[in-house]
Structures are given as C-alpha cells and as structure tokens.
Amino acid sequence: MTTLALKYRPRLLSDLVGQEASVRALGNALRRAQVSGHIHHQAFLFAGVRGTGKTSTARILARALNCFQGPTPEPCGVCDACVSAEQPDRNLDVIEIDAASRASVEDARALREQVQTRPAFCRYRVYIIDEVHMMSRSAFDALLKILEEPPAHAVFVLATTELQDVPDTIKSRVQIYPFRLIPVGLIEARLKHVCEQEGVTFDEGSLRLLAEAGTGSMRDALTTLDRVIAAGDGKVVEEMVREQLGIVPAVRVQNVLNAILNGDPTAVLDECAALASLGTDWTSFWRELMLAFRDRLEIEVRRSPGPQDILRLARMLHLLLQRERDMRDSSLPQVVVELALVTAAQLPHLAPLDALVRTGAATGPPPSRPSRPEAGTAIRAAAPQTLPPGPSQPALAEAPQPAPELPPRLQPVADPADLEELRRAVTEALKAVPGGLPRSLGSLPYMARSLAFEGQALHFYFPPNVRHTVQEFERELANPHLLETLRGILPGLVRIAITFDAEHHERPEEILRDDEAFQRLLLETQGEVIEVRRAE
C-alpha cells in the first residue's frame, strides 16, 4: 500500500509547494541548459528542514536533465529516463547515497572512482547524496576535487538538514538552494486537495490543525493525515485530529485563558487539575494556550482599547513565554505551568501606574526633596488602589487659593552666596506663588546642579536629564506672579536664566540602574521596571 506522502510526491518543479525561490532558480538553470544543450553547473546543495522537498527536487532535477526532450524544466514523464527516475534503485544512472551510513573516507574514494564511469543509457549520471553533513572530514576532503571539476557527464546533488555542519570548502564548490519551512496556509491547501482526490470528508478546522502540526514539513503533515484517515474510517474531523495529536480540546484552552484574563487563580488551578486528569501533554497544551493568547491579543489590538489594556495583555503573554523553557526542562511540568498561570492571573489586579500617581498626588505629602532627579516612578502593587471617596475630593477643589500678596514668612535671603540657603528660599518662594505652580516645580531648586544670584539675574544650572521638567518651568516664566514672588527673597531680581550642562547625559533609566538601593529593592521583591514616568 502506497502512503499519501509517496503517492502525492512532487513529479515536476511546478508541483513543489512553498519553495518558489529555489524552483524559479532551478527552472532558469534548466532553460539555459535547454538552449545550450548542457548544464552549466554540475554540483548543487539543497539545504532545509525535513519534509520540505529536497530529495524530491533532486529526483525531479535528474528527470529534467535526462528526459528525452531535455534538458528541460518540464520533463515529459513518459520516456524511459523519466519513468526510471521514479525508481532510482532500478536506474543505473541515478545513484542515491545515504551519507549517514556511507560516511567514511573509503566510501568517498570509491565514489570518486565510480564517477569516472560514463552513463549507461542517460545523458547524465546523477549522484544524490542525502544527509551529506554526516560525512567525515576526510570524506569531504576526498570529494573536494571531484566537486570542483566533475566529469562532463556527472551531476552531484547534495541534500542536508544541517547546513552549518557542511565545511566551507564544500559550500564554495556548489550552488546552494535553500528550502524554507512551508507556510501553514499552503500545507492546509495541499491537504485539502489530497482529501478531495481521495474522496475523504473533512472539516476546515481539522485540516488547519494538521497543517500546524506539520511545523513546516509537508511530508509530516501528509503522514499525520494518513494516520487520522485510518483512525477516522475515512473521515477527518477536528475531534479525531486532536485525539490523534494529543491536542487539548479548544474549550479547555479557552477556559484557562478566560480564567487568566478574569484574574481568577482558583479557576486556573481547577482547569489545570481537569487537564491533568485527562492525561494532558503539557507541552502541547502550552503551545495551544500561547496561540490562543496571541489571537486574543490581536483581537484586542484591532478593537483599539486603551493602551493600558493592551500592555496588560502583552505583559501576560511575555510572562508566560518566559516560562516555556522552565517547563521543558522541569521534571514536574504541571507545577511549572500552574505557577506561571497563577502568576499571570494576578496581573489584572495590579493598579495602573496613572492611578497610583494620582493617588499619591492627592493624598501623599510632598517630598522634601527628590533623591534622584528625573528618575521617574516605578511601582508594582499587589491590590487595586483607589482615590479616597467622599467629600475629600470636593474639599480639595474648594480650598481657598493663596492671596496675591506675598506671605509674611518670605524673607530676603541673608547670603545669596550660600547655596543651601538659596535653595531653601527659592523652594519656599515657588510654593508660595499665587495661583500655584505644578507640584513638580516645587523641588526644582534641588534638581539644579547649582543656583546663583548674579547681576540681577537668578541663574539655574541644570543637568540635561531634567529637560522635561525645566520645560514646564520655562512656560511659567510668563507668569507675572512668579518673578514678583522671587523678588520677595531676592530684592532687585530682574530676570531668570536657565543653563544646561553639556557633560552629563544620563537618562532616567540609567540613573535607576546605577541606584544601588533601588536595584536591591528590585532583587528582594523579584520586581522589574515596567515604565519610568515623572510623578506630576
């Protein structure tokens, strides 16, 4: 009985699926040979993963070269050379060699001597060497000269799944044709054609699963289809495919996904227990879950929700993908899966950064001065936090505004040359500006590298990494109350000058990375910086 993989093996270049680049190059080479009467290059190397058509293409090339009408890119298929090429063991001029079993230098020397023999009845003697990377180094050395200058009647076609293991000296003497993984859509279309030719009923979902299970190999997909047809008594349905491949039912995968997105770790553990009772292959389940998660992320992105929702889903998927290797390497994959899923289920409970920043701005006291300028805020929460309810918020809105007059507590600076005294005085003055300034500007004097009152001007010297906050301050320079308030501590003040240093260019992320206390906190809490943003 002939298997589907052999029955539907490509016989022409046009039958190859998913290898358009190599097919086009070989077709052009054969057309040139058809015009000139001989092939211009006599050594080829087909490289790619299993089941992508390397050996089949080598046989097609042998038929195309030896066809009665050839060399031609479209062999007739009826002449003696074409018919015998279908069974290389019966064709003296098409020699297939398995390098995995004939890898010694003696085998290579015997081949080198055999090459001198002219074809029995064909135009070319074609040598197809499969798994050529298995040959020993000395065997490769024995082939070098014959590959570089083969007899006019000999053509070599080497095939390998490990191109990196083929010596560069061999690669430099052959034409390399890459054979890519076949896209899922093309495999699915081919499986549909085979089912129609065989009179097999199927549903679309089942063929999609078979195509994905092939992982880019047409032969693997056809072999699996053969097995499913036998198990399903001539029918291919999704349930049977999942059973044969050990794939978790789709409803189970969706239940786990929904439990994670709803932040329900109990439901996650219940689903994992149910999967364990079914004897689930955790690697297969993990792959199905990641694909389902990716599909849900695409749906959410196309719906255009808020960026926080998209980032939350992306963060979950990233977290789960990081645990894939742990699952493969562990002797207890179920435990690794449960731990990863329960952790991901906690992410929906984390408070958004904006809400935490607003909460701190509304309820927390302002800091005396920042420990690191422009370092931003990075917070990880264990439970949602909300703004204080009730009348506290209206009370903030109804609080009386500062009077336009200067508060009596602002006194002129006794010694403007004293940097610390000048910082404190300017800080108090900025907080007392009528109408109020943004909270971030209250600590501006401490963000400056230095302050100086010279020539009726207050000079601020800033490092470059606080430009964003300073831009807000520059917009406030048009506020007439600002200069008037500062004159209360610096009589005679006429203008404010801002200067940026050129020697420091640290970004907020770099400052956080160099902060030993912050890095120690991340290590102790197993946390990570998700976003760096200045708290307004």
Protein backbone atom coordinates (compact mmCIF):
# COMPACT_ATOMS: atom_id res chain seq x y z
CA MET A 1 0.00 0.00 0.00
CA THR A 2 1.39 3.39 -1.01
CA THR A 3 1.32 6.10 1.66
CA LEU A 4 -0.09 9.54 0.88
CA ALA A 5 3.38 11.10 1.22
CA LEU A 6 4.69 8.85 -1.57
CA LYS A 7 1.55 8.88 -3.69
CA TYR A 8 1.45 12.69 -3.84
CA ARG A 9 5.19 13.23 -4.04
CA PRO A 10 6.04 16.06 -6.50
CA ARG A 11 6.97 14.90 -10.02
CA LEU A 12 7.55 18.33 -11.56
CA LEU A 13 9.05 21.58 -10.32
CA SER A 14 5.60 23.13 -10.53
CA ASP A 15 4.33 20.54 -8.02
CA LEU A 16 6.65 21.83 -5.27
CA VAL A 17 4.84 23.88 -2.63
CA GLY A 18 6.35 26.79 -0.73
CA GLN A 19 9.77 26.76 -2.45
CA GLU A 20 9.18 29.37 -5.13
CA ALA A 21 12.67 30.91 -4.97
CA SER A 22 14.52 27.61 -5.45
CA VAL A 23 12.04 26.43 -8.10
CA ARG A 24 12.49 29.64 -10.08
CA ALA A 25 16.31 29.42 -9.93
CA LEU A 26 16.38 25.75 -10.97
CA GLY A 27 13.87 26.38 -13.74
CA ASN A 28 16.03 29.17 -15.17
CA ALA A 29 19.14 26.98 -14.97
CA LEU A 30 17.36 24.20 -16.89
CA ARG A 31 16.11 26.63 -19.54
CA ARG A 32 19.68 27.82 -20.09
CA ALA A 33 20.77 24.18 -20.37
CA GLN A 34 17.96 23.55 -22.87
CA VAL A 35 19.28 26.34 -25.09
CA SER A 36 22.96 25.42 -24.84
CA GLY A 37 22.48 21.65 -24.71
CA HIS A 38 24.31 21.10 -21.41
CA ILE A 39 24.03 22.09 -17.76
CA HIS A 40 26.31 24.96 -16.75
CA HIS A 41 26.85 23.93 -13.12
CA GLN A 42 27.17 20.33 -12.02
CA ALA A 43 27.11 20.49 -8.19
CA PHE A 44 24.09 21.55 -6.14
CA LEU A 45 23.40 21.66 -2.40
CA PHE A 46 19.79 21.59 -1.18
CA ALA A 47 19.56 22.74 2.45
CA GLY A 48 16.47 22.83 4.66
CA VAL A 49 14.48 21.05 7.36
CA ARG A 50 12.98 17.62 6.85
CA GLY A 51 9.97 17.14 4.62
CA THR A 52 10.35 20.32 2.57
CA GLY A 53 11.12 18.61 -0.76
CA LYS A 54 14.90 18.34 -1.03
CA THR A 55 15.13 14.69 -2.19
CA SER A 56 12.03 15.05 -4.36
CA THR A 57 13.58 18.08 -6.08
CA ALA A 58 16.81 16.13 -6.62
CA ARG A 59 14.85 13.39 -8.41
CA ILE A 60 12.96 15.97 -10.44
CA LEU A 61 16.28 17.52 -11.47
CA ALA A 62 17.56 14.10 -12.55
CA ARG A 63 14.44 13.56 -14.69
CA ALA A 64 14.72 17.05 -16.18
CA LEU A 65 18.36 16.52 -17.17
CA ASN A 66 17.89 13.03 -18.64
CA CYS A 67 14.49 13.43 -20.29
CA PHE A 68 14.44 12.55 -23.98
CA GLN A 69 13.32 16.14 -24.69
CA GLY A 70 15.79 17.60 -22.22
CA PRO A 71 17.48 19.18 -20.57
CA THR A 72 14.12 20.81 -19.86
CA PRO A 73 12.32 22.33 -16.86
CA GLU A 74 9.22 20.29 -17.83
CA PRO A 75 10.13 16.60 -18.37
CA CYS A 76 7.65 14.57 -20.39
CA GLY A 77 7.20 11.82 -17.76
CA VAL A 78 6.71 9.06 -20.37
CA CYS A 79 10.17 8.42 -21.81
CA ASP A 80 12.39 5.67 -20.38
CA ALA A 81 14.58 8.14 -18.49
CA CYS A 82 11.57 9.81 -16.83
CA VAL A 83 9.92 6.54 -15.89
CA SER A 84 13.10 5.01 -14.48
CA ALA A 85 13.78 8.15 -12.45
CA GLU A 86 10.66 7.33 -10.42
CA GLN A 87 12.50 4.27 -9.07
CA PRO A 88 16.19 5.20 -8.66
CA ASP A 89 17.11 1.71 -7.44
CA ARG A 90 16.29 0.46 -10.95
CA ASN A 91 18.13 3.23 -12.77
CA LEU A 92 21.87 2.75 -13.16
CA ASP A 93 22.38 6.43 -13.92
CA VAL A 94 20.62 7.89 -10.86
CA ILE A 95 22.55 6.87 -7.75
CA GLU A 96 21.15 7.76 -4.33
CA ILE A 97 23.62 7.57 -1.44
CA ASP A 98 22.75 7.78 2.25
CA ALA A 99 25.73 9.60 3.76
CA ALA A 100 24.61 8.63 7.26
CA SER A 101 25.58 5.01 6.54
CA ARG A 102 28.34 5.67 3.98
CA ALA A 103 30.30 8.45 5.61
CA SER A 104 33.85 7.05 5.63
CA VAL A 105 36.75 8.20 3.53
CA GLU A 106 36.81 4.79 1.80
CA ASP A 107 33.23 5.34 0.60
CA ALA A 108 34.18 8.78 -0.73
CA ARG A 109 37.18 7.36 -2.58
CA ALA A 110 35.03 4.61 -4.08
CA LEU A 111 32.56 7.24 -5.23
CA ARG A 112 35.36 9.29 -6.75
CA GLU A 113 36.45 6.30 -8.82
CA GLN A 114 32.88 5.42 -9.78
CA VAL A 115 32.27 8.93 -11.10
CA GLN A 116 34.62 8.27 -14.00
CA THR A 117 32.18 5.67 -15.38
CA ARG A 118 30.03 7.09 -18.16
CA PRO A 119 26.20 6.81 -18.07
CA ALA A 120 24.65 3.53 -19.15
CA PHE A 121 21.82 4.98 -21.26
CA CYS A 122 21.06 8.51 -19.94
CA ARG A 123 22.56 11.87 -20.76
CA TYR A 124 23.93 12.44 -17.24
CA ARG A 125 24.84 10.24 -14.31
CA VAL A 126 23.25 11.98 -11.29
CA TYR A 127 24.58 11.34 -7.77
CA ILE A 128 22.14 12.25 -4.99
CA ILE A 129 23.90 12.28 -1.60
CA ASP A 130 21.38 12.61 1.23
CA GLU A 131 22.31 13.85 4.74
CA VAL A 132 25.68 14.91 3.39
CA HIS A 133 26.59 16.65 6.66
CA MET A 134 27.11 13.19 8.21
CA MET A 135 30.23 12.57 6.13
CA SER A 136 33.56 12.63 7.92
CA ARG A 137 36.08 15.40 7.41
CA SER A 138 38.41 13.13 5.45
CA ALA A 139 35.49 12.03 3.25
CA PHE A 140 34.71 15.67 2.45
CA ASP A 141 38.35 16.23 1.59
CA ALA A 142 38.24 13.28 -0.80
CA LEU A 143 35.27 14.85 -2.62
CA LEU A 144 36.65 18.35 -2.96
CA LYS A 145 38.43 17.96 -6.27
CA ILE A 146 35.69 15.96 -7.95
CA LEU A 147 33.05 18.55 -6.91
CA GLU A 148 35.18 21.37 -8.23
CA GLU A 149 35.95 19.73 -11.60
CA PRO A 150 33.47 16.87 -12.19
CA PRO A 151 33.42 14.93 -15.46
CA ALA A 152 31.12 16.39 -18.09
CA HIS A 153 28.66 13.51 -17.67
CA ALA A 154 28.34 13.72 -13.82
CA VAL A 155 25.99 15.89 -11.74
CA PHE A 156 26.06 15.98 -7.95
CA VAL A 157 23.05 16.89 -5.80
CA LEU A 158 23.80 17.09 -2.09
CA ALA A 159 21.00 17.35 0.49
CA THR A 160 21.31 18.30 4.16
CA THR A 161 19.24 19.40 7.12
CA GLU A 162 22.31 20.87 8.87
CA LEU A 163 23.92 23.36 6.52
CA GLN A 164 26.17 24.71 9.28
CA ASP A 165 27.86 21.30 9.56
CA VAL A 166 28.93 21.27 5.91
CA PRO A 167 32.54 22.53 5.52
CA ASP A 168 33.01 25.89 3.84
CA THR A 169 35.30 24.26 1.29
CA ILE A 170 32.33 22.19 0.08
CA LYS A 171 29.94 25.16 0.12
CA SER A 172 32.31 27.17 -2.06
CA ARG A 173 32.18 24.48 -4.78
CA VAL A 174 28.42 24.02 -5.04
CA GLN A 175 25.33 26.10 -5.73
CA ILE A 176 23.27 26.32 -2.53
CA TYR A 177 19.47 26.28 -2.77
CA PRO A 178 17.60 26.95 0.48
CA PHE A 179 14.40 25.03 1.22
CA ARG A 180 12.22 27.02 3.61
CA LEU A 181 9.59 25.91 6.09
CA ILE A 182 6.31 25.65 4.20
CA PRO A 183 3.66 28.15 5.41
CA VAL A 184 0.66 26.69 7.21
CA GLY A 185 -1.78 28.04 4.63
CA LEU A 186 -0.02 26.24 1.76
CA ILE A 187 0.11 22.96 3.68
CA GLU A 188 -3.59 23.27 4.50
CA ALA A 189 -4.45 23.86 0.82
CA ARG A 190 -2.40 20.81 -0.19
CA LEU A 191 -4.11 18.63 2.44
CA LYS A 192 -7.49 19.79 1.17
CA HIS A 193 -6.51 18.83 -2.39
CA VAL A 194 -5.35 15.38 -1.23
CA CYS A 195 -8.59 14.78 0.69
CA GLU A 196 -10.66 15.75 -2.33
CA GLN A 197 -8.65 13.42 -4.56
CA GLU A 198 -9.03 10.55 -2.06
CA GLY A 199 -12.76 11.17 -1.51
CA VAL A 200 -12.25 11.87 2.21
CA THR A 201 -14.72 14.11 4.05
CA PHE A 202 -13.19 16.75 6.32
CA ASP A 203 -13.88 19.98 8.15
CA GLU A 204 -11.76 23.10 7.81
CA GLY A 205 -10.68 23.20 11.44
CA SER A 206 -9.23 19.69 11.27
CA LEU A 207 -7.03 20.44 8.25
CA ARG A 208 -5.77 23.61 9.93
CA LEU A 209 -4.68 21.60 12.97
CA LEU A 210 -2.93 19.05 10.76
CA ALA A 211 -1.14 21.81 8.85
CA GLU A 212 0.04 23.41 12.08
CA ALA A 213 1.16 20.03 13.44
CA GLY A 214 3.36 19.62 10.37
CA THR A 215 5.51 22.56 11.60
CA GLY A 216 6.50 23.49 8.06
CA SER A 217 7.01 19.91 6.77
CA MET A 218 4.66 18.74 4.03
CA ARG A 219 5.71 15.11 4.47
CA ASP A 220 4.98 15.16 8.20
CA ALA A 221 1.55 16.70 7.57
CA LEU A 222 0.67 14.06 4.95
CA THR A 223 1.88 11.26 7.21
CA THR A 224 -0.32 12.53 10.04
CA LEU A 225 -3.27 12.89 7.66
CA ASP A 226 -2.77 9.26 6.63
CA ARG A 227 -2.99 8.19 10.27
CA VAL A 228 -6.08 10.29 11.00
CA ILE A 229 -7.89 8.93 7.94
CA ALA A 230 -7.21 5.38 9.12
CA ALA A 231 -8.39 6.18 12.67
CA GLY A 232 -11.49 8.04 11.48
CA ASP A 233 -12.61 5.42 8.97
CA GLY A 234 -12.23 7.74 6.01
CA LYS A 235 -13.31 10.90 7.81
CA VAL A 236 -11.20 13.79 9.11
CA VAL A 237 -12.86 15.73 11.93
CA GLU A 238 -11.33 18.12 14.42
CA GLU A 239 -12.09 15.98 17.46
CA MET A 240 -10.32 12.98 15.92
CA VAL A 241 -7.32 15.11 14.93
CA ARG A 242 -7.00 16.45 18.47
CA GLU A 243 -7.20 12.93 19.86
CA GLN A 244 -4.54 11.58 17.48
CA LEU A 245 -2.19 14.51 18.03
CA GLY A 246 -2.78 14.75 21.77
CA ILE A 247 -4.05 18.33 21.45
CA VAL A 248 -6.11 19.73 24.33
CA PRO A 249 -9.76 20.42 23.44
CA ALA A 250 -10.24 24.02 22.38
CA VAL A 251 -12.90 24.63 25.04
CA ARG A 252 -10.39 23.73 27.76
CA VAL A 253 -7.82 26.14 26.36
CA GLN A 254 -10.40 28.94 26.27
CA ASN A 255 -11.48 28.20 29.84
CA VAL A 256 -7.89 28.59 31.06
CA LEU A 257 -7.43 31.75 29.01
CA ASN A 258 -10.62 33.31 30.40
CA ALA A 259 -9.63 32.41 33.96
CA ILE A 260 -6.30 34.21 33.50
CA LEU A 261 -7.88 37.30 31.94
CA ASN A 262 -10.51 37.43 34.70
CA GLY A 263 -7.80 37.23 37.35
CA ASP A 264 -9.24 34.05 38.93
CA PRO A 265 -6.36 31.83 40.16
CA THR A 266 -8.78 29.34 41.71
CA ALA A 267 -10.40 28.68 38.34
CA VAL A 268 -6.92 28.34 36.82
CA LEU A 269 -5.98 25.59 39.30
CA ASP A 270 -9.32 23.83 38.77
CA GLU A 271 -8.78 23.78 34.99
CA CYS A 272 -5.21 22.50 35.41
CA ALA A 273 -6.49 19.69 37.64
CA ALA A 274 -9.06 18.76 34.98
CA LEU A 275 -6.36 18.73 32.30
CA ALA A 276 -4.15 16.52 34.46
CA SER A 277 -7.00 14.03 34.86
CA LEU A 278 -7.20 13.80 31.05
CA GLY A 279 -3.50 12.90 30.80
CA THR A 280 -2.68 16.14 29.01
CA ASP A 281 0.65 16.62 27.32
CA TRP A 282 1.69 19.91 28.93
CA THR A 283 3.96 20.94 26.07
CA SER A 284 1.11 20.59 23.59
CA PHE A 285 -1.26 22.43 25.93
CA TRP A 286 1.25 25.25 26.41
CA ARG A 287 1.58 25.75 22.67
CA GLU A 288 -2.20 25.86 22.20
CA LEU A 289 -2.57 28.35 25.06
CA MET A 290 0.12 30.66 23.66
CA LEU A 291 -1.54 30.64 20.24
CA ALA A 292 -4.94 31.36 21.81
CA PHE A 293 -3.40 34.17 23.87
CA ARG A 294 -1.79 35.64 20.77
CA ASP A 295 -5.13 35.56 18.91
CA ARG A 296 -6.86 37.32 21.84
CA LEU A 297 -4.15 39.98 21.86
CA GLU A 298 -4.65 40.61 18.15
CA ILE A 299 -8.41 40.95 18.66
CA GLU A 300 -7.90 43.48 21.45
CA VAL A 301 -5.37 45.50 19.45
CA ARG A 302 -7.73 45.72 16.48
CA ARG A 303 -10.54 46.83 18.79
CA SER A 304 -8.30 49.78 19.78
CA PRO A 305 -8.91 49.81 23.56
CA GLY A 306 -6.85 51.90 25.96
CA PRO A 307 -3.08 51.37 25.91
CA GLN A 308 -3.21 50.09 29.49
CA ASP A 309 -5.39 47.12 28.42
CA ILE A 310 -3.11 46.22 25.53
CA LEU A 311 0.01 46.49 27.68
CA ARG A 312 -1.59 44.28 30.33
CA LEU A 313 -2.25 41.51 27.79
CA ALA A 314 1.21 41.88 26.27
CA ARG A 315 2.73 41.71 29.74
CA MET A 316 0.83 38.48 30.49
CA LEU A 317 1.92 36.85 27.24
CA HIS A 318 5.53 37.91 27.77
CA LEU A 319 5.49 36.48 31.30
CA LEU A 320 4.16 33.14 30.08
CA LEU A 321 6.61 32.88 27.19
CA GLN A 322 9.49 33.37 29.64
CA ARG A 323 8.41 30.21 31.50
CA GLU A 324 8.38 27.93 28.43
CA ARG A 325 11.97 26.77 28.87
CA ASP A 326 11.38 26.09 32.58
CA MET A 327 8.50 23.81 31.65
CA ARG A 328 10.56 21.84 29.11
CA ASP A 329 13.49 21.40 31.49
CA SER A 330 11.49 20.54 34.60
CA SER A 331 10.64 17.04 35.81
CA LEU A 332 7.32 18.48 37.07
CA PRO A 333 5.93 20.42 34.11
CA GLN A 334 2.44 20.61 35.64
CA VAL A 335 3.77 22.53 38.63
CA VAL A 336 5.64 24.95 36.37
CA VAL A 337 2.50 25.51 34.29
CA GLU A 338 0.32 26.12 37.34
CA LEU A 339 2.82 28.54 38.87
CA ALA A 340 3.13 30.52 35.63
CA LEU A 341 -0.64 30.69 35.07
CA VAL A 342 -1.44 31.70 38.66
CA THR A 343 1.18 34.45 38.46
CA ALA A 344 -0.28 35.72 35.19
CA ALA A 345 -3.77 35.66 36.72
CA GLN A 346 -2.61 38.19 39.33
CA LEU A 347 -1.70 40.82 36.76
CA PRO A 348 -5.29 42.07 36.26
CA HIS A 349 -5.30 43.08 39.94
CA LEU A 350 -2.37 45.44 39.59
CA ALA A 351 -3.27 49.11 39.74
CA PRO A 352 -2.41 51.19 36.65
CA LEU A 353 0.56 53.50 37.10
CA ASP A 354 -1.53 56.60 36.38
CA ALA A 355 -3.98 55.75 39.16
CA LEU A 356 -1.16 55.23 41.65
CA VAL A 357 0.46 58.51 40.66
CA ARG A 358 -2.85 60.37 41.02
CA THR A 359 -3.44 58.76 44.40
CA GLY A 360 -0.04 59.82 45.64
CA ALA A 361 -0.56 63.35 44.33
CA ALA A 362 -3.95 63.69 46.04
CA THR A 363 -3.19 62.11 49.42
CA GLY A 364 0.54 61.94 49.97
CA PRO A 365 2.64 64.79 51.41
CA PRO A 366 5.14 66.34 49.03
CA PRO A 367 8.69 65.08 49.48
CA SER A 368 11.23 67.39 51.00
CA ARG A 369 13.48 66.88 48.01
CA PRO A 370 13.99 64.07 45.47
CA SER A 371 16.84 61.65 45.98
CA ARG A 372 17.33 61.24 42.25
CA PRO A 373 16.28 63.96 39.81
CA GLU A 374 14.18 62.89 36.81
CA ALA A 375 14.32 59.24 37.84
CA GLY A 376 10.57 58.87 37.50
CA THR A 377 8.34 56.41 39.30
CA ALA A 378 8.24 52.61 39.01
CA ILE A 379 5.60 50.93 41.22
CA ARG A 380 4.33 47.36 41.50
CA ALA A 381 1.13 46.88 43.54
CA ALA A 382 -0.44 43.76 45.00
CA ALA A 383 -4.01 45.04 45.20
CA PRO A 384 -6.02 47.76 43.47
CA GLN A 385 -5.86 51.19 44.99
CA THR A 386 -8.48 53.86 44.51
CA LEU A 387 -8.75 57.54 45.22
CA PRO A 388 -10.31 58.40 48.61
CA PRO A 389 -14.08 58.59 48.17
CA GLY A 390 -16.44 61.01 49.74
CA PRO A 391 -16.22 64.71 50.31
CA SER A 392 -12.42 64.82 50.48
CA GLN A 393 -12.10 65.48 46.76
CA PRO A 394 -14.55 68.44 46.68
CA ALA A 395 -12.79 69.78 49.73
CA LEU A 396 -9.57 69.96 47.74
CA ALA A 397 -11.32 71.80 44.94
CA GLU A 398 -12.96 74.25 47.37
CA ALA A 399 -9.77 75.00 49.33
CA PRO A 400 -9.08 78.76 49.41
CA GLN A 401 -6.43 79.93 46.99
CA PRO A 402 -3.35 81.77 48.27
CA ALA A 403 -3.78 85.50 48.43
CA PRO A 404 -1.98 87.52 45.79
CA GLU A 405 0.04 89.31 48.46
CA LEU A 406 3.39 87.89 49.49
CA PRO A 407 3.16 85.70 52.58
CA PRO A 408 4.89 87.38 55.53
CA ARG A 409 7.08 84.31 56.13
CA LEU A 410 9.08 85.01 52.92
CA GLN A 411 12.12 86.97 53.97
CA PRO A 412 15.02 88.19 51.83
CA VAL A 413 17.92 85.78 51.60
CA ALA A 414 20.64 86.90 54.01
CA ASP A 415 23.50 85.42 52.00
CA PRO A 416 22.69 84.57 48.32
CA ALA A 417 26.17 83.02 48.01
CA ASP A 418 25.13 80.26 50.45
CA LEU A 419 23.84 77.58 48.03
CA GLU A 420 21.80 75.63 50.60
CA GLU A 421 20.14 78.76 51.98
CA LEU A 422 19.37 79.94 48.44
CA ARG A 423 17.87 76.53 47.54
CA ARG A 424 15.56 76.56 50.57
CA ALA A 425 14.45 80.14 50.00
CA VAL A 426 13.72 79.65 46.28
CA THR A 427 11.84 76.41 47.05
CA GLU A 428 9.60 78.19 49.57
CA ALA A 429 9.03 81.06 47.15
CA LEU A 430 7.99 78.71 44.32
CA LYS A 431 5.46 77.05 46.62
CA ALA A 432 4.06 80.47 47.59
CA VAL A 433 3.45 81.77 44.04
CA PRO A 434 -0.19 82.97 43.86
CA GLY A 435 -2.35 80.64 41.81
CA GLY A 436 0.02 77.73 42.44
CA LEU A 437 2.61 76.06 40.23
CA PRO A 438 2.76 72.38 39.15
CA ARG A 439 3.89 70.18 42.03
CA SER A 440 6.95 69.00 40.11
CA LEU A 441 8.37 72.55 40.13
CA GLY A 442 8.40 72.72 43.92
CA SER A 443 11.62 70.71 44.02
CA LEU A 444 13.20 72.43 41.03
CA PRO A 445 15.98 74.21 43.02
CA TYR A 446 17.22 70.82 44.24
CA MET A 447 17.18 69.39 40.70
CA ALA A 448 19.57 72.14 39.63
CA ARG A 449 23.25 71.41 39.92
CA SER A 450 23.75 74.94 41.19
CA LEU A 451 21.93 78.25 41.79
CA ALA A 452 23.47 81.72 41.67
CA PHE A 453 22.10 85.28 42.09
CA GLU A 454 24.37 87.47 39.99
CA GLY A 455 23.81 90.72 38.13
CA GLN A 456 20.09 90.98 38.98
CA ALA A 457 19.54 87.51 37.50
CA LEU A 458 18.76 84.20 39.21
CA HIS A 459 20.77 81.52 37.37
CA PHE A 460 19.65 77.87 37.34
CA TYR A 461 22.29 75.34 36.19
CA PHE A 462 20.65 72.01 35.24
CA PRO A 463 21.94 68.64 34.02
CA PRO A 464 20.43 67.63 30.64
CA ASN A 465 18.30 64.80 32.11
CA VAL A 466 15.67 67.16 33.60
CA ARG A 467 14.74 68.96 30.41
CA HIS A 468 11.10 67.85 30.58
CA THR A 469 10.50 69.42 33.99
CA VAL A 470 12.50 72.53 33.10
CA GLN A 471 10.33 72.98 30.02
CA GLU A 472 7.33 73.29 32.34
CA PHE A 473 9.24 75.87 34.37
CA GLU A 474 10.10 77.84 31.22
CA ARG A 475 6.40 78.05 30.38
CA GLU A 476 5.77 79.53 33.83
CA LEU A 477 8.28 82.35 33.27
CA ALA A 478 5.46 84.33 31.65
CA ASN A 479 3.54 84.21 34.96
CA PRO A 480 3.87 87.74 36.43
CA HIS A 481 3.40 86.42 39.97
CA LEU A 482 6.50 84.20 39.66
CA LEU A 483 9.05 87.00 39.33
CA GLU A 484 7.18 89.14 41.86
CA THR A 485 7.30 86.35 44.46
CA LEU A 486 11.01 85.69 43.90
CA ARG A 487 11.73 89.41 44.37
CA GLY A 488 10.46 88.97 47.92
CA ILE A 489 13.55 86.87 48.70
CA LEU A 490 15.94 88.39 46.15
CA PRO A 491 15.41 92.19 46.02
CA GLY A 492 16.45 93.68 42.70
CA LEU A 493 15.74 90.49 40.71
CA VAL A 494 15.06 91.32 37.04
CA ARG A 495 15.19 88.01 35.18
CA ILE A 496 15.64 84.24 35.47
CA ALA A 497 18.36 82.47 33.43
CA ILE A 498 18.41 78.72 32.69
CA THR A 499 21.57 76.88 31.60
CA PHE A 500 22.07 73.17 30.85
CA ASP A 501 25.35 71.37 31.47
CA ALA A 502 26.85 69.55 28.48
CA GLU A 503 28.96 66.97 30.28
CA HIS A 504 26.18 64.81 31.75
CA HIS A 505 23.70 62.93 29.59
CA GLU A 506 22.28 60.27 31.90
CA ARG A 507 18.78 59.09 31.11
CA PRO A 508 16.30 58.29 33.90
CA GLU A 509 16.71 54.56 33.16
CA GLU A 510 20.47 54.88 33.62
CA ILE A 511 20.04 56.68 36.95
CA LEU A 512 17.76 53.91 38.20
CA ARG A 513 20.22 51.27 37.01
CA ASP A 514 23.03 52.94 38.98
CA ASP A 515 20.94 53.37 42.13
CA GLU A 516 22.12 50.57 44.45
CA ALA A 517 19.18 50.91 46.84
CA PHE A 518 16.64 50.73 44.01
CA GLN A 519 18.36 47.71 42.43
CA ARG A 520 18.45 45.97 45.82
CA LEU A 521 14.71 46.59 46.17
CA LEU A 522 14.06 45.01 42.75
CA LEU A 523 16.15 41.98 43.70
CA GLU A 524 14.41 41.44 47.04
CA THR A 525 10.90 41.81 45.61
CA GLN A 526 11.63 39.96 42.33
CA GLY A 527 10.25 43.04 40.58
CA GLU A 528 11.18 44.82 37.39
CA VAL A 529 10.86 48.31 35.94
CA ILE A 530 7.90 48.38 33.56
CA GLU A 531 7.71 52.10 32.93
CA VAL A 532 9.60 55.23 34.01
CA ARG A 533 7.48 58.34 34.34
CA ARG A 534 7.70 61.56 36.31
CA ALA A 535 5.05 61.87 39.02
CA GLU A 536 3.09 65.04 38.45
